[in-house]
Each structure stands twice: as structure tokens, then as C-alpha cells.
Amino acid sequence: MNDDPIPISLVANYMFCPRRAWLESVGERVDSSQMSQGAYDHRKVDRGRSPSKTDNDGDYQSISIRHEEWGVSGRLDAARLTDDGVIVREYKATPVKREMIVTDAMRIQLALQAACLENMGYHVARTEIFFTTHHRNVEVPLTPEDYSKAHTAVEETRSLINSETAPEPLEDSPQCMRCSHAGICLPEERRLKPVSRRVMVSSPDNQVTHLATPGAKAFCRAGRMIVFKDGQELASIPLDTIQGLQVHGNTDLSSGLIRELMWRDIPILWCSGTGRLYGWAMSTYGPNGLQRAEQHVASQEGRLGLAREFIIAKVHNQSVLLRRSDKGNPIVERLRNVEKTVANTNRWQDVLGLEGEAASLYFSQFPCLIKPSRRDDWRWNGRTRRPALDELNSLLDYTYALLLADCIRALISCGLDPHAGFLHSSNRNKPALALDLMEEFRAPVADSVVQTVVNNGEVRPDGFVQALGSVRMKDGTRKSLIGAYERRMNTELIHPIFGYKASWRRIIEIQARMILGYLDGTQSSYRGIRVR
């Protein structure tokens, strides 16, 4: 039972949509154009002054308030002390073409603010809303019914956030079209059917930034990440445009930069010069703490349905990539038969066995992905574990590490633990769930990138070096591969399930949230990505 005061903003979110309030309560945070506008409009009232009955000025901004009996707290945008009592003003931003409508959620918010002030010993003379977009002030008279509804909303919100079950998303609701949380709630996608009306969510065009120059050093200055080497500036990148930071090999970060990225909730991942992922850093306060605990229980118990879907989608995508490159290859049909068999398995061990059989078949034909004119230049000794024994395996190892990093970022963003998986074992301290999630993306993303850079001549066999029997990429080859991978991740395609356009990076995050939905009970099943 959580007895902490409930934020007034959370009650207002509950009035708009219970599921949005739930997402806020479990730590889901989003940035949208309207939220950014609201923060900008509040800049003048966030200076913070505490009210005093003896203050001669009488104007106050950003005032902390609380109702002890109701167990609710919040902050006033602005208030003025008059001879008749306190005048409460709330600032609201609306789209330019939208009318100045005082919604039920706004009335409840004002009623809660007024109730808090009354409980603190102040008489409220008037409540009003200033619509910043229209620069107009609207008085909102409150009735006893408004106060009664506000108290009821507090109790319902408390019951909601203390529940162990997430509320169902709204179905076919116009509210979803303007909701800032639609991109993480995925209200229509939960049915795992084509989405008839795509939810449009404003989001900055942020990218994953890679630091791959050996010996470079990065630090933070004036809201930018500055990269230097040998006294020369290599890059200057606004921190606001960084979605994630990946550090390759011998590249240093300042403690100030690390701290700033943690404050901004931007994950950092480190990998070796050969692509082996070493670890990551993330903010302490991630979302969905209870769901993360339940994930560990489910991982221990096992979820065969999830394990099957990961491998069914993986084998399907392997057969599609092979068919596209070599239509008459008989292995394609054998892979399809394995895919059908996996769907009917009832044991986790059988799923793993069939996955190994499919991998053996697929990689036996991997040279077929390479153009005949280039095959002689690229030797293939079969798929080998690290260290890579040939150039193609070196490319695959590195691209799989890049894909694993993206899967980790996607899982972290929705609060899941990358280590507690359902197909791979956590016994060897590997990020099992991230390895689970990346299975369905290996062929259409990682293998496709390797196929592209080889067939297009972006990398050449002389771009590698031999080191104690293993093969490693030169610096130029590694940067070309990273560039090709990022192009692939930013490529938009028609989502195989939902029917709208999305980038591969966004699709990975959607799948991570589909796993979360399956675990928290808002979805009946999970379906992997199957390309056509």
C-alpha cells in the first residue's frame, strides 16, 4: 500500500485517461511538442515563492500546496492575495486552432488546488485558467459538486496506482490522437491487428550517437557533447539530439558528460574495438518497477509462448532473406518446415533444438547472400563463435553487438531488465531478454547490413587485419559498418503487423513494449516480427 501524497497532476491525468495516469505513476516519461510548450509557458512562474499572509506584494508563483486529510499535494502556477481571498491561476497550453475549453480534468485540478489552500487556512476567492496560446484568461467558478468530484477522483486515483494490474487502453478513442503517451501506451496495437488509425506522436528526431575514434575524448560544454583528439575538435553535438550513446574501444568520457547524460535519462553503452558489449549505464529512476519484479518471476517460471515466438519469427525471417537472394534454394523450404514445427512444440528444450537446426541450415547457405561476382573475395568457414576466423564472421559479430545494444536500449526505455529472459539462460550473466528480443531482428537487420556493405563494396577484404589467428576490422571498415547499420535502423518500412510506417529502431522499441504488455496482462499474447 502506497500512502505517499498523490500529485494533483496525476489526478488530472486520471480524469483524462486512467491508463495515462497508470503510466505516469510507474515512471513512464515522454516528451511531446505540447508538453515542451507547456514547460516553456511555465518558465515565468517557476521561480518559487512561499505564500505569507503578511506579504505586501500579494503575487506568488510556483507555490507548493497540500491537503493533509485527502492525501494530495501539488503546486500552484500562480496566486494573488486580495482582500476577498486568494485568486488561483493555472496556465494551460492548447493547439492554436483549438478552442479555449475548460475540460473536466482542468476543473478537477482547480478544485483540488482550491481545496488544498482551504485546508492550509486560506480562503479562495476565485479560480481561473490562462490559455497561453490564446493569451486569454477564463474564470472558472467552482461548485460543491466540483469539490466532491475532486475528492472522489483522488480516491479512485489512489486505488488505481495501488492496483497490481495495469488498466486496459482506451479503445477507438479520439483522446488517443492527441495524447502525449500514445507512443508508449500503444492503445490500438495491443490487439495485435492492423491499426486503422495511426496515432501520431510528436517526437524529436534524436539518434544514437557512436564514438568510434580510438584515443578520442568527449566532454560536456554548454549543452553540447564535444569530442576532441590530439587537441583538435572532431565533433560538437547538441545533447538534446542524442537518444543513446555508444562508445567503441579506447574512447574516454568525462565524468561531467556521464552525469549529464544520466540526468537526461540517456543510456550509455560500452563495447570493445571488436564489438563485444562490455556494459551500460542508465539512470537510477526507470519506469515500471513492479512490472520488472514480475518479469523476474515470469522468467523463473518460464513463458514458452514468448520463447516460441522469438524463434518462429527468427526462422521465418532467415528463410525470407535467403529466398530473396537465392529463390531456388531448397534450404528455404526446410527452414519453413522448422518454423512450422517450432509452433507446435511444448517444451523449451525442443525450441532450442529446432533453433540450432535452423541456424545450421541457414548459415550453411550464407554465401548465397553475397553476389556471385564477390563470393571469391570473401571466404566463409561457417558461423563461428568469437573470435572471428574470417572477415564475414567479423562483420556479423560486430553487427550483432550493435543490434544487441539497440535491444538493450529498447528494453531499458520501458523498464524491463535486459537480463531476465525467456529463451536464453541468465546463468552466465548475459543480457538474456535482450538476446531473446534480437533473435527476430538478426536476419532483416544485422545480416542484411552485412549483405549490403559487402555487395555494395562499402567494405573490402583488405579492410581487416589478422591478430593471433583471429580477424579484426580496421578503423575505416568499422566506421563504414556502423554507418550502414545506422542507415538500416533509420529506414522506414510498413509494419508487418500494424500496417503503418515505422523505422527499424522504432519497431524494436514497439516489440519491447509488446513484451511488457504481455507480461503485465494488457495483451493476451506476443507476436514476433515477420518480414515479407
Protein backbone atom coordinates (compact mmCIF):
# COMPACT_ATOMS: atom_id res chain seq x y z
CA MET A 1 0.00 0.00 0.00
CA ASN A 2 1.41 3.41 -1.02
CA ASP A 3 0.41 6.19 1.43
CA ASP A 4 2.52 8.96 -0.13
CA PRO A 5 0.59 12.09 -1.17
CA ILE A 6 -0.84 11.80 -4.67
CA PRO A 7 0.28 14.57 -7.06
CA ILE A 8 -2.57 16.74 -8.30
CA SER A 9 -1.20 16.36 -11.84
CA LEU A 10 -1.66 12.60 -11.57
CA VAL A 11 -5.32 13.04 -10.64
CA ALA A 12 -5.76 15.33 -13.65
CA ASN A 13 -4.20 12.63 -15.84
CA TYR A 14 -6.60 10.09 -14.35
CA MET A 15 -9.53 12.28 -15.38
CA PHE A 16 -8.18 12.35 -18.92
CA CYS A 17 -7.37 8.62 -19.10
CA PRO A 18 -6.79 6.06 -16.29
CA ARG A 19 -4.13 4.28 -18.31
CA ARG A 20 -2.21 7.51 -18.82
CA ALA A 21 -2.28 8.06 -15.05
CA TRP A 22 -1.02 4.50 -14.55
CA LEU A 23 1.86 5.08 -16.99
CA GLU A 24 2.80 8.27 -15.16
CA SER A 25 2.64 6.53 -11.78
CA VAL A 26 5.02 3.74 -12.86
CA GLY A 27 7.57 6.26 -14.12
CA GLU A 28 6.89 6.45 -17.85
CA ARG A 29 8.03 9.84 -19.10
CA VAL A 30 7.63 11.27 -22.58
CA ASP A 31 8.48 14.46 -24.43
CA SER A 32 5.95 15.99 -26.81
CA SER A 33 5.59 19.33 -28.55
CA GLN A 34 2.65 20.32 -26.35
CA MET A 35 4.45 19.31 -23.14
CA SER A 36 7.51 21.29 -24.26
CA GLN A 37 5.29 24.27 -24.98
CA GLY A 38 3.71 23.94 -21.55
CA ALA A 39 7.11 23.86 -19.87
CA TYR A 40 8.13 26.94 -21.85
CA ASP A 41 4.95 28.77 -20.89
CA HIS A 42 5.57 27.96 -17.19
CA ARG A 43 9.09 29.39 -17.21
CA LYS A 44 7.94 32.69 -15.68
CA VAL A 45 6.00 31.10 -12.84
CA ASP A 46 8.56 28.52 -11.73
CA ARG A 47 10.68 30.88 -9.66
CA GLY A 48 9.10 29.61 -6.45
CA ARG A 49 7.90 31.83 -3.59
CA SER A 50 6.17 30.61 -0.45
CA PRO A 51 2.91 32.41 0.48
CA SER A 52 2.80 34.63 3.53
CA LYS A 53 -0.26 36.38 4.94
CA THR A 54 1.89 39.36 5.79
CA ASP A 55 3.49 39.71 2.36
CA ASN A 56 2.70 43.14 0.92
CA ASP A 57 3.24 42.17 -2.72
CA GLY A 58 0.49 39.57 -2.78
CA ASP A 59 1.62 37.82 -6.01
CA TYR A 60 3.11 34.32 -5.77
CA GLN A 61 4.34 31.75 -8.27
CA SER A 62 5.10 28.04 -8.12
CA ILE A 63 3.63 27.51 -4.64
CA SER A 64 3.73 24.06 -3.01
CA ILE A 65 0.36 23.07 -1.53
CA ARG A 66 -1.05 20.02 0.26
CA HIS A 67 -4.29 18.62 1.68
CA GLU A 68 -3.49 16.50 4.73
CA GLU A 69 -6.87 14.75 5.01
CA TRP A 70 -7.21 13.92 1.32
CA GLY A 71 -3.56 12.91 0.96
CA VAL A 72 -2.89 15.02 -2.13
CA SER A 73 -0.20 17.58 -2.93
CA GLY A 74 0.83 19.75 -5.80
CA ARG A 75 1.96 23.15 -6.92
CA LEU A 76 0.11 26.29 -7.91
CA ASP A 77 1.23 28.07 -11.06
CA ALA A 78 0.29 31.46 -9.66
CA ALA A 79 -1.83 33.03 -6.92
CA ARG A 80 -2.73 36.52 -5.73
CA LEU A 81 -3.76 37.52 -2.24
CA THR A 82 -6.63 40.01 -2.20
CA ASP A 83 -8.92 41.41 0.49
CA ASP A 84 -11.54 38.87 -0.60
CA GLY A 85 -9.15 35.89 -0.53
CA VAL A 86 -6.76 34.03 -2.84
CA ILE A 87 -7.16 34.15 -6.63
CA VAL A 88 -5.78 30.91 -8.14
CA ARG A 89 -4.48 30.98 -11.71
CA GLU A 90 -3.46 27.92 -13.73
CA TYR A 91 -1.59 28.18 -17.06
CA LYS A 92 -2.58 25.89 -19.93
CA ALA A 93 -1.23 25.48 -23.45
CA THR A 94 -3.52 24.36 -26.28
CA PRO A 95 -3.05 23.92 -30.04
CA VAL A 96 -3.60 27.24 -31.83
CA LYS A 97 -6.72 26.14 -33.70
CA ARG A 98 -8.37 24.56 -30.67
CA GLU A 99 -10.98 26.47 -28.69
CA MET A 100 -10.43 27.61 -25.11
CA ILE A 101 -12.44 24.81 -23.49
CA VAL A 102 -12.25 24.17 -19.76
CA THR A 103 -12.22 20.39 -19.53
CA ASP A 104 -13.37 18.23 -16.61
CA ALA A 105 -9.72 17.47 -15.84
CA MET A 106 -8.98 21.22 -15.59
CA ARG A 107 -11.94 21.78 -13.25
CA ILE A 108 -10.84 18.90 -11.03
CA GLN A 109 -7.30 20.29 -10.92
CA LEU A 110 -8.53 23.73 -9.88
CA ALA A 111 -10.89 22.21 -7.29
CA LEU A 112 -8.00 20.23 -5.78
CA GLN A 113 -5.78 23.31 -5.66
CA ALA A 114 -8.55 25.34 -4.00
CA ALA A 115 -9.26 22.53 -1.52
CA CYS A 116 -5.57 22.38 -0.59
CA LEU A 117 -5.46 26.11 0.04
CA GLU A 118 -8.63 25.96 2.14
CA ASN A 119 -7.10 23.10 4.16
CA MET A 120 -3.98 25.25 4.69
CA GLY A 121 -6.10 28.06 6.14
CA TYR A 122 -6.63 30.32 3.12
CA HIS A 123 -9.96 31.43 1.66
CA VAL A 124 -10.17 31.04 -2.14
CA ALA A 125 -11.99 33.93 -3.79
CA ARG A 126 -11.70 32.88 -7.44
CA THR A 127 -10.11 30.29 -9.73
CA GLU A 128 -9.15 30.92 -13.34
CA ILE A 129 -7.22 29.48 -16.28
CA PHE A 130 -4.93 31.49 -18.52
CA PHE A 131 -4.69 29.93 -22.01
CA THR A 132 -1.15 30.84 -23.03
CA THR A 133 -1.61 30.09 -26.72
CA HIS A 134 -4.59 32.46 -26.98
CA HIS A 135 -3.37 34.92 -24.28
CA ARG A 136 -6.83 34.90 -22.72
CA ASN A 137 -7.98 34.45 -19.14
CA VAL A 138 -11.10 32.39 -18.34
CA GLU A 139 -12.74 32.46 -14.90
CA VAL A 140 -13.85 29.02 -13.65
CA PRO A 141 -16.47 29.18 -10.87
CA LEU A 142 -16.35 26.07 -8.68
CA THR A 143 -19.38 24.36 -7.15
CA PRO A 144 -19.70 21.94 -4.20
CA GLU A 145 -20.16 19.20 -6.81
CA ASP A 146 -16.73 20.02 -8.27
CA TYR A 147 -15.11 19.56 -4.84
CA SER A 148 -16.98 16.29 -4.34
CA LYS A 149 -15.83 15.02 -7.75
CA ALA A 150 -12.27 16.09 -6.95
CA HIS A 151 -12.24 14.12 -3.68
CA THR A 152 -13.69 11.07 -5.44
CA ALA A 153 -11.07 11.37 -8.20
CA VAL A 154 -8.30 11.35 -5.60
CA GLU A 155 -9.61 8.14 -4.06
CA GLU A 156 -10.05 6.48 -7.47
CA THR A 157 -6.54 7.53 -8.48
CA ARG A 158 -5.13 6.10 -5.24
CA SER A 159 -6.93 2.82 -5.89
CA LEU A 160 -5.59 2.75 -9.45
CA ILE A 161 -1.92 3.26 -8.59
CA ASN A 162 -2.08 0.74 -5.74
CA SER A 163 -3.51 -1.90 -8.07
CA GLU A 164 -1.18 -4.63 -9.32
CA THR A 165 -2.89 -4.74 -12.72
CA ALA A 166 -2.49 -2.15 -15.47
CA PRO A 167 -5.78 -0.72 -16.79
CA GLU A 168 -6.84 -1.56 -20.32
CA PRO A 169 -6.09 1.05 -23.03
CA LEU A 170 -8.97 3.08 -24.40
CA GLU A 171 -10.49 1.54 -27.50
CA ASP A 172 -11.04 3.61 -30.64
CA SER A 173 -10.96 6.84 -28.62
CA PRO A 174 -10.29 10.29 -30.14
CA GLN A 175 -8.39 11.14 -26.95
CA CYS A 176 -5.54 8.88 -28.09
CA MET A 177 -4.94 11.06 -31.14
CA ARG A 178 -3.68 13.98 -29.01
CA CYS A 179 -2.27 12.06 -26.06
CA SER A 180 1.44 12.57 -25.38
CA HIS A 181 1.70 8.99 -24.05
CA ALA A 182 0.24 7.25 -27.13
CA GLY A 183 3.70 6.20 -28.34
CA ILE A 184 4.35 4.15 -25.20
CA CYS A 185 0.76 3.13 -24.44
CA LEU A 186 0.16 1.72 -27.96
CA PRO A 187 -3.62 1.54 -27.41
CA GLU A 188 -4.61 0.06 -30.77
CA GLU A 189 -1.53 -2.12 -31.20
CA ARG A 190 -2.40 -4.20 -28.13
CA ARG A 191 -4.92 -6.16 -30.21
CA LEU A 192 -2.06 -7.32 -32.50
CA LYS A 193 -4.09 -6.39 -35.59
CA PRO A 194 -3.64 -3.77 -38.33
CA VAL A 195 -4.15 -0.29 -36.96
CA SER A 196 -6.87 1.55 -38.84
CA ARG A 197 -5.94 4.95 -37.45
CA ARG A 198 -2.32 5.56 -36.67
CA VAL A 199 -1.64 7.54 -33.53
CA MET A 200 0.57 10.49 -34.41
CA VAL A 201 3.04 11.39 -31.67
CA SER A 202 5.39 14.35 -31.84
CA SER A 203 8.95 13.32 -31.03
CA PRO A 204 12.34 14.91 -31.62
CA ASP A 205 14.47 13.46 -34.39
CA ASN A 206 17.01 12.02 -31.98
CA GLN A 207 19.61 9.46 -32.97
CA VAL A 208 22.02 7.03 -31.35
CA THR A 209 25.49 8.60 -31.33
CA HIS A 210 28.58 6.43 -31.78
CA LEU A 211 32.06 7.35 -30.53
CA ALA A 212 34.37 5.12 -32.54
CA THR A 213 37.63 7.06 -32.95
CA PRO A 214 40.41 5.46 -30.85
CA GLY A 215 42.01 7.89 -28.44
CA ALA A 216 39.21 10.47 -28.64
CA LYS A 217 37.85 12.17 -25.54
CA ALA A 218 34.33 13.54 -25.07
CA PHE A 219 33.07 16.06 -22.54
CA CYS A 220 30.07 18.31 -21.95
CA ARG A 221 30.03 22.06 -22.56
CA ALA A 222 27.11 24.49 -22.95
CA GLY A 223 24.57 21.75 -23.62
CA ARG A 224 26.69 20.01 -26.23
CA MET A 225 28.93 16.94 -26.36
CA ILE A 226 32.36 17.99 -27.59
CA VAL A 227 34.74 15.33 -28.96
CA PHE A 228 38.49 16.06 -29.11
CA LYS A 229 41.56 14.14 -30.22
CA ASP A 230 45.13 15.41 -30.18
CA GLY A 231 43.92 18.93 -29.47
CA GLN A 232 41.59 19.00 -32.48
CA GLU A 233 37.79 19.15 -32.22
CA LEU A 234 36.23 16.22 -34.08
CA ALA A 235 32.54 16.83 -33.32
CA SER A 236 30.13 19.08 -31.44
CA ILE A 237 26.69 17.53 -30.92
CA PRO A 238 23.69 19.03 -29.08
CA LEU A 239 22.78 16.81 -26.14
CA ASP A 240 19.10 17.33 -26.95
CA THR A 241 19.56 15.30 -30.17
CA ILE A 242 21.18 12.26 -28.52
CA GLN A 243 18.87 9.27 -27.94
CA GLY A 244 21.65 6.97 -26.79
CA LEU A 245 25.44 6.98 -26.70
CA GLN A 246 27.57 4.01 -27.72
CA VAL A 247 31.29 4.04 -27.02
CA HIS A 248 33.58 1.80 -29.12
CA GLY A 249 37.02 0.76 -27.95
CA ASN A 250 39.51 3.20 -26.41
CA THR A 251 37.37 6.34 -26.17
CA ASP A 252 37.05 8.32 -22.94
CA LEU A 253 34.06 10.17 -21.47
CA SER A 254 34.33 12.87 -18.82
CA SER A 255 32.51 12.36 -15.53
CA GLY A 256 30.56 15.55 -16.23
CA LEU A 257 29.27 14.18 -19.52
CA ILE A 258 28.29 10.87 -17.93
CA ARG A 259 26.46 12.71 -15.15
CA GLU A 260 24.63 14.97 -17.62
CA LEU A 261 23.51 12.00 -19.72
CA MET A 262 22.24 10.23 -16.61
CA TRP A 263 20.28 13.35 -15.63
CA ARG A 264 18.75 13.36 -19.09
CA ASP A 265 17.91 9.63 -18.85
CA ILE A 266 20.14 8.83 -21.86
CA PRO A 267 21.73 5.34 -21.66
CA ILE A 268 25.43 4.82 -22.37
CA LEU A 269 26.79 1.52 -23.69
CA TRP A 270 30.43 0.48 -23.95
CA CYS A 271 31.82 -2.15 -26.33
CA SER A 272 35.29 -3.26 -27.32
CA GLY A 273 37.01 -2.48 -30.58
CA THR A 274 35.88 -5.87 -31.85
CA GLY A 275 32.25 -5.24 -30.89
CA ARG A 276 31.95 -7.20 -27.66
CA LEU A 277 29.45 -5.42 -25.42
CA TYR A 278 31.02 -4.72 -22.02
CA GLY A 279 28.22 -2.97 -20.16
CA TRP A 280 25.95 0.01 -19.90
CA ALA A 281 25.00 2.86 -17.59
CA MET A 282 21.48 4.12 -17.04
CA SER A 283 19.51 6.43 -14.79
CA THR A 284 18.56 5.09 -11.36
CA TYR A 285 14.91 6.01 -11.77
CA GLY A 286 13.48 3.80 -14.51
CA PRO A 287 9.79 3.11 -15.16
CA ASN A 288 7.70 0.03 -14.34
CA GLY A 289 9.49 -1.16 -11.21
CA LEU A 290 6.70 -3.55 -10.19
CA GLN A 291 6.46 -4.98 -13.70
CA ARG A 292 10.22 -5.51 -13.68
CA ALA A 293 9.92 -7.54 -10.47
CA GLU A 294 7.10 -9.57 -12.03
CA GLN A 295 9.30 -10.11 -15.09
CA HIS A 296 11.85 -11.92 -12.93
CA VAL A 297 9.13 -14.18 -11.52
CA ALA A 298 7.86 -14.94 -15.03
CA SER A 299 11.42 -15.59 -16.22
CA GLN A 300 11.94 -18.12 -13.44
CA GLU A 301 8.60 -19.80 -14.14
CA GLY A 302 9.11 -19.71 -17.92
CA ARG A 303 6.88 -18.40 -20.69
CA LEU A 304 7.02 -20.91 -23.54
CA GLY A 305 4.77 -18.77 -25.72
CA LEU A 306 7.35 -15.99 -25.75
CA ALA A 307 10.25 -18.36 -26.45
CA ARG A 308 8.37 -19.93 -29.36
CA GLU A 309 7.51 -16.58 -30.92
CA PHE A 310 11.11 -15.35 -30.77
CA ILE A 311 12.31 -18.40 -32.70
CA ILE A 312 9.37 -18.67 -35.10
CA ALA A 313 9.96 -15.07 -36.18
CA LYS A 314 13.73 -15.63 -36.40
CA VAL A 315 13.47 -18.71 -38.62
CA HIS A 316 10.81 -17.09 -40.78
CA ASN A 317 12.99 -14.04 -41.38
CA GLN A 318 16.02 -16.20 -42.16
CA SER A 319 14.04 -18.07 -44.83
CA VAL A 320 12.78 -14.79 -46.34
CA LEU A 321 16.28 -13.26 -46.56
CA LEU A 322 17.63 -16.45 -48.15
CA ARG A 323 14.69 -16.63 -50.61
CA ARG A 324 15.26 -13.05 -51.71
CA SER A 325 18.91 -13.81 -52.54
CA ASP A 326 18.52 -17.35 -53.92
CA LYS A 327 14.92 -18.13 -54.88
CA GLY A 328 15.50 -21.74 -55.86
CA ASN A 329 17.46 -22.72 -52.77
CA PRO A 330 15.94 -25.94 -51.30
CA ILE A 331 17.01 -24.90 -47.78
CA VAL A 332 14.25 -22.29 -47.81
CA GLU A 333 11.57 -24.97 -47.71
CA ARG A 334 13.38 -26.84 -44.95
CA LEU A 335 13.53 -23.65 -42.88
CA ARG A 336 9.79 -23.20 -43.34
CA ASN A 337 9.21 -26.72 -42.09
CA VAL A 338 11.30 -25.96 -38.99
CA GLU A 339 9.23 -22.80 -38.45
CA LYS A 340 6.01 -24.84 -38.51
CA THR A 341 7.47 -27.42 -36.14
CA VAL A 342 8.52 -24.79 -33.60
CA ALA A 343 4.92 -23.53 -33.48
CA ASN A 344 3.79 -26.96 -32.24
CA THR A 345 6.48 -27.58 -29.62
CA ASN A 346 5.55 -27.90 -25.96
CA ARG A 347 9.00 -27.90 -24.39
CA TRP A 348 11.59 -25.18 -24.06
CA GLN A 349 14.37 -27.67 -24.86
CA ASP A 350 12.70 -28.56 -28.17
CA VAL A 351 12.53 -24.88 -29.12
CA LEU A 352 16.27 -24.53 -28.54
CA GLY A 353 17.00 -27.69 -30.52
CA LEU A 354 14.98 -26.52 -33.51
CA GLU A 355 16.60 -23.09 -33.34
CA GLY A 356 20.02 -24.74 -33.57
CA GLU A 357 18.88 -26.85 -36.53
CA ALA A 358 17.58 -23.77 -38.36
CA ALA A 359 20.79 -21.83 -37.67
CA SER A 360 22.88 -24.68 -39.09
CA LEU A 361 20.78 -24.79 -42.25
CA TYR A 362 20.74 -21.03 -42.71
CA PHE A 363 24.45 -20.40 -42.19
CA SER A 364 25.37 -23.28 -44.46
CA GLN A 365 23.87 -21.13 -47.22
CA PHE A 366 25.14 -17.75 -46.01
CA PRO A 367 27.47 -17.27 -49.03
CA CYS A 368 24.30 -17.23 -51.19
CA LEU A 369 23.57 -13.77 -49.76
CA ILE A 370 26.73 -12.48 -51.43
CA LYS A 371 26.77 -11.53 -55.12
CA PRO A 372 28.40 -14.25 -57.25
CA SER A 373 30.93 -11.70 -58.52
CA ARG A 374 32.15 -11.06 -54.97
CA ARG A 375 31.98 -14.51 -53.38
CA ASP A 376 35.52 -15.47 -54.30
CA ASP A 377 36.86 -12.48 -52.37
CA TRP A 378 35.07 -13.40 -49.15
CA ARG A 379 35.95 -16.70 -47.54
CA TRP A 380 33.39 -18.43 -45.34
CA ASN A 381 34.26 -21.17 -42.87
CA GLY A 382 30.79 -21.45 -41.41
CA ARG A 383 29.40 -19.47 -38.50
CA THR A 384 31.95 -19.43 -35.68
CA ARG A 385 31.87 -18.03 -32.16
CA ARG A 386 34.26 -15.30 -31.11
CA PRO A 387 36.97 -14.76 -32.05
CA ALA A 388 36.05 -14.40 -35.73
CA LEU A 389 38.10 -16.64 -38.02
CA ASP A 390 37.19 -14.85 -41.25
CA GLU A 391 36.06 -11.44 -42.46
CA LEU A 392 32.34 -12.22 -42.78
CA ASN A 393 32.18 -13.58 -39.24
CA SER A 394 33.95 -10.44 -38.02
CA LEU A 395 31.28 -8.30 -39.69
CA LEU A 396 28.49 -10.44 -38.24
CA ASP A 397 29.94 -10.33 -34.72
CA TYR A 398 30.14 -6.55 -34.76
CA THR A 399 26.70 -6.01 -36.27
CA TYR A 400 25.11 -8.39 -33.76
CA ALA A 401 26.73 -6.34 -30.98
CA LEU A 402 25.21 -3.14 -32.42
CA LEU A 403 21.81 -4.83 -32.60
CA LEU A 404 22.14 -6.14 -29.05
CA ALA A 405 22.86 -2.61 -27.84
CA ASP A 406 19.68 -1.34 -29.53
CA CYS A 407 17.63 -4.12 -27.94
CA ILE A 408 19.06 -3.25 -24.52
CA ARG A 409 18.18 0.42 -25.03
CA ALA A 410 14.62 -0.51 -26.05
CA LEU A 411 14.10 -2.73 -23.01
CA ILE A 412 15.57 -0.13 -20.64
CA SER A 413 13.28 2.54 -22.07
CA CYS A 414 10.19 0.60 -20.94
CA GLY A 415 11.67 -0.52 -17.62
CA LEU A 416 12.35 -4.19 -18.36
CA ASP A 417 15.51 -5.91 -17.14
CA PRO A 418 17.66 -7.00 -20.13
CA HIS A 419 18.96 -9.96 -18.06
CA ALA A 420 15.72 -11.80 -17.18
CA GLY A 421 14.88 -13.69 -20.36
CA PHE A 422 12.61 -16.48 -21.54
CA LEU A 423 14.65 -18.23 -24.24
CA HIS A 424 18.28 -17.59 -23.35
CA SER A 425 19.52 -18.51 -19.89
CA SER A 426 20.70 -15.91 -17.39
CA ASN A 427 23.04 -18.40 -15.72
CA ARG A 428 26.11 -16.96 -17.43
CA ASN A 429 25.18 -13.35 -16.60
CA LYS A 430 24.30 -12.48 -20.18
CA PRO A 431 21.54 -10.00 -21.10
CA ALA A 432 19.14 -12.86 -21.78
CA LEU A 433 15.99 -10.87 -22.63
CA ALA A 434 17.94 -8.57 -24.97
CA LEU A 435 19.30 -11.68 -26.71
CA ASP A 436 15.73 -13.02 -26.88
CA LEU A 437 14.41 -9.84 -28.47
CA MET A 438 17.19 -9.54 -31.03
CA GLU A 439 16.52 -13.03 -32.44
CA GLU A 440 13.71 -11.84 -34.71
CA PHE A 441 15.83 -8.92 -35.96
CA ARG A 442 19.07 -10.78 -36.74
CA ALA A 443 18.28 -11.59 -40.37
CA PRO A 444 16.31 -8.50 -41.51
CA VAL A 445 18.62 -6.03 -39.75
CA ALA A 446 22.09 -7.37 -38.90
CA ASP A 447 22.54 -9.98 -41.65
CA SER A 448 21.01 -7.59 -44.16
CA VAL A 449 23.51 -4.88 -43.21
CA VAL A 450 26.45 -7.27 -43.71
CA GLN A 451 24.99 -8.37 -47.03
CA THR A 452 24.62 -4.74 -48.15
CA VAL A 453 28.10 -3.49 -47.22
CA VAL A 454 29.73 -6.48 -48.91
CA ASN A 455 27.63 -6.43 -52.08
CA ASN A 456 27.91 -2.65 -52.46
CA GLY A 457 31.66 -2.65 -51.90
CA GLU A 458 31.40 -0.41 -48.81
CA VAL A 459 33.84 -2.76 -47.08
CA ARG A 460 36.61 -4.75 -48.71
CA PRO A 461 38.54 -7.85 -47.67
CA ASP A 462 41.70 -5.73 -47.28
CA GLY A 463 39.94 -3.70 -44.57
CA PHE A 464 40.78 -6.32 -41.93
CA VAL A 465 43.87 -7.42 -40.03
CA GLN A 466 44.97 -10.80 -38.70
CA ALA A 467 45.67 -10.95 -34.95
CA LEU A 468 46.76 -14.25 -33.36
CA GLY A 469 44.59 -16.33 -35.66
CA SER A 470 41.53 -14.08 -35.46
CA VAL A 471 40.31 -11.41 -37.87
CA ARG A 472 39.62 -7.83 -36.82
CA MET A 473 38.29 -4.81 -38.67
CA LYS A 474 40.39 -1.75 -39.39
CA ASP A 475 39.11 1.58 -38.15
CA GLY A 476 37.73 2.62 -41.55
CA THR A 477 35.88 -0.68 -42.01
CA ARG A 478 34.31 -0.40 -38.57
CA LYS A 479 33.08 3.14 -39.23
CA SER A 480 31.62 2.11 -42.61
CA LEU A 481 29.79 -0.77 -40.96
CA ILE A 482 28.42 1.47 -38.18
CA GLY A 483 27.24 3.98 -40.79
CA ALA A 484 25.46 1.28 -42.80
CA TYR A 485 23.87 -0.11 -39.65
CA GLU A 486 22.51 3.32 -38.66
CA ARG A 487 21.08 3.81 -42.14
CA ARG A 488 19.30 0.49 -41.79
CA MET A 489 17.94 1.31 -38.34
CA ASN A 490 16.55 4.62 -39.60
CA THR A 491 14.96 3.05 -42.68
CA GLU A 492 11.16 3.16 -42.54
CA LEU A 493 9.03 0.23 -43.63
CA ILE A 494 5.42 -0.83 -43.40
CA HIS A 495 5.00 -2.51 -40.02
CA PRO A 496 4.26 -6.21 -40.71
CA ILE A 497 1.51 -6.32 -38.07
CA PHE A 498 0.11 -2.81 -37.68
CA GLY A 499 0.37 -1.60 -41.27
CA TYR A 500 1.87 1.87 -40.69
CA LYS A 501 5.35 3.18 -41.43
CA ALA A 502 7.99 2.95 -38.72
CA SER A 503 11.78 2.78 -38.60
CA TRP A 504 13.53 -0.43 -37.60
CA ARG A 505 14.67 1.24 -34.35
CA ARG A 506 11.10 2.23 -33.53
CA ILE A 507 9.87 -1.29 -34.36
CA ILE A 508 12.38 -2.76 -31.89
CA GLU A 509 11.02 -0.48 -29.17
CA ILE A 510 7.43 -1.40 -30.10
CA GLN A 511 8.31 -5.09 -29.73
CA ALA A 512 9.88 -4.40 -26.34
CA ARG A 513 6.61 -2.77 -25.27
CA MET A 514 4.68 -5.72 -26.66
CA ILE A 515 6.71 -7.95 -24.32
CA LEU A 516 5.86 -5.59 -21.45
CA GLY A 517 2.17 -5.69 -22.41
CA TYR A 518 2.20 -9.49 -22.43
CA LEU A 519 3.85 -9.59 -19.01
CA ASP A 520 1.56 -7.00 -17.36
CA GLY A 521 -1.59 -8.62 -18.73
CA THR A 522 -2.76 -5.93 -21.14
CA GLN A 523 -2.14 -8.32 -24.07
CA SER A 524 -3.27 -11.91 -24.43
CA SER A 525 -0.19 -12.93 -26.42
CA TYR A 526 3.02 -11.77 -28.07
CA ARG A 527 3.70 -11.83 -31.80
CA GLY A 528 7.15 -11.53 -33.32
CA ILE A 529 8.06 -9.51 -36.41
CA ARG A 530 7.81 -11.48 -39.65
CA VAL A 531 9.06 -9.75 -42.77
CA ARG A 532 7.59 -10.48 -46.18
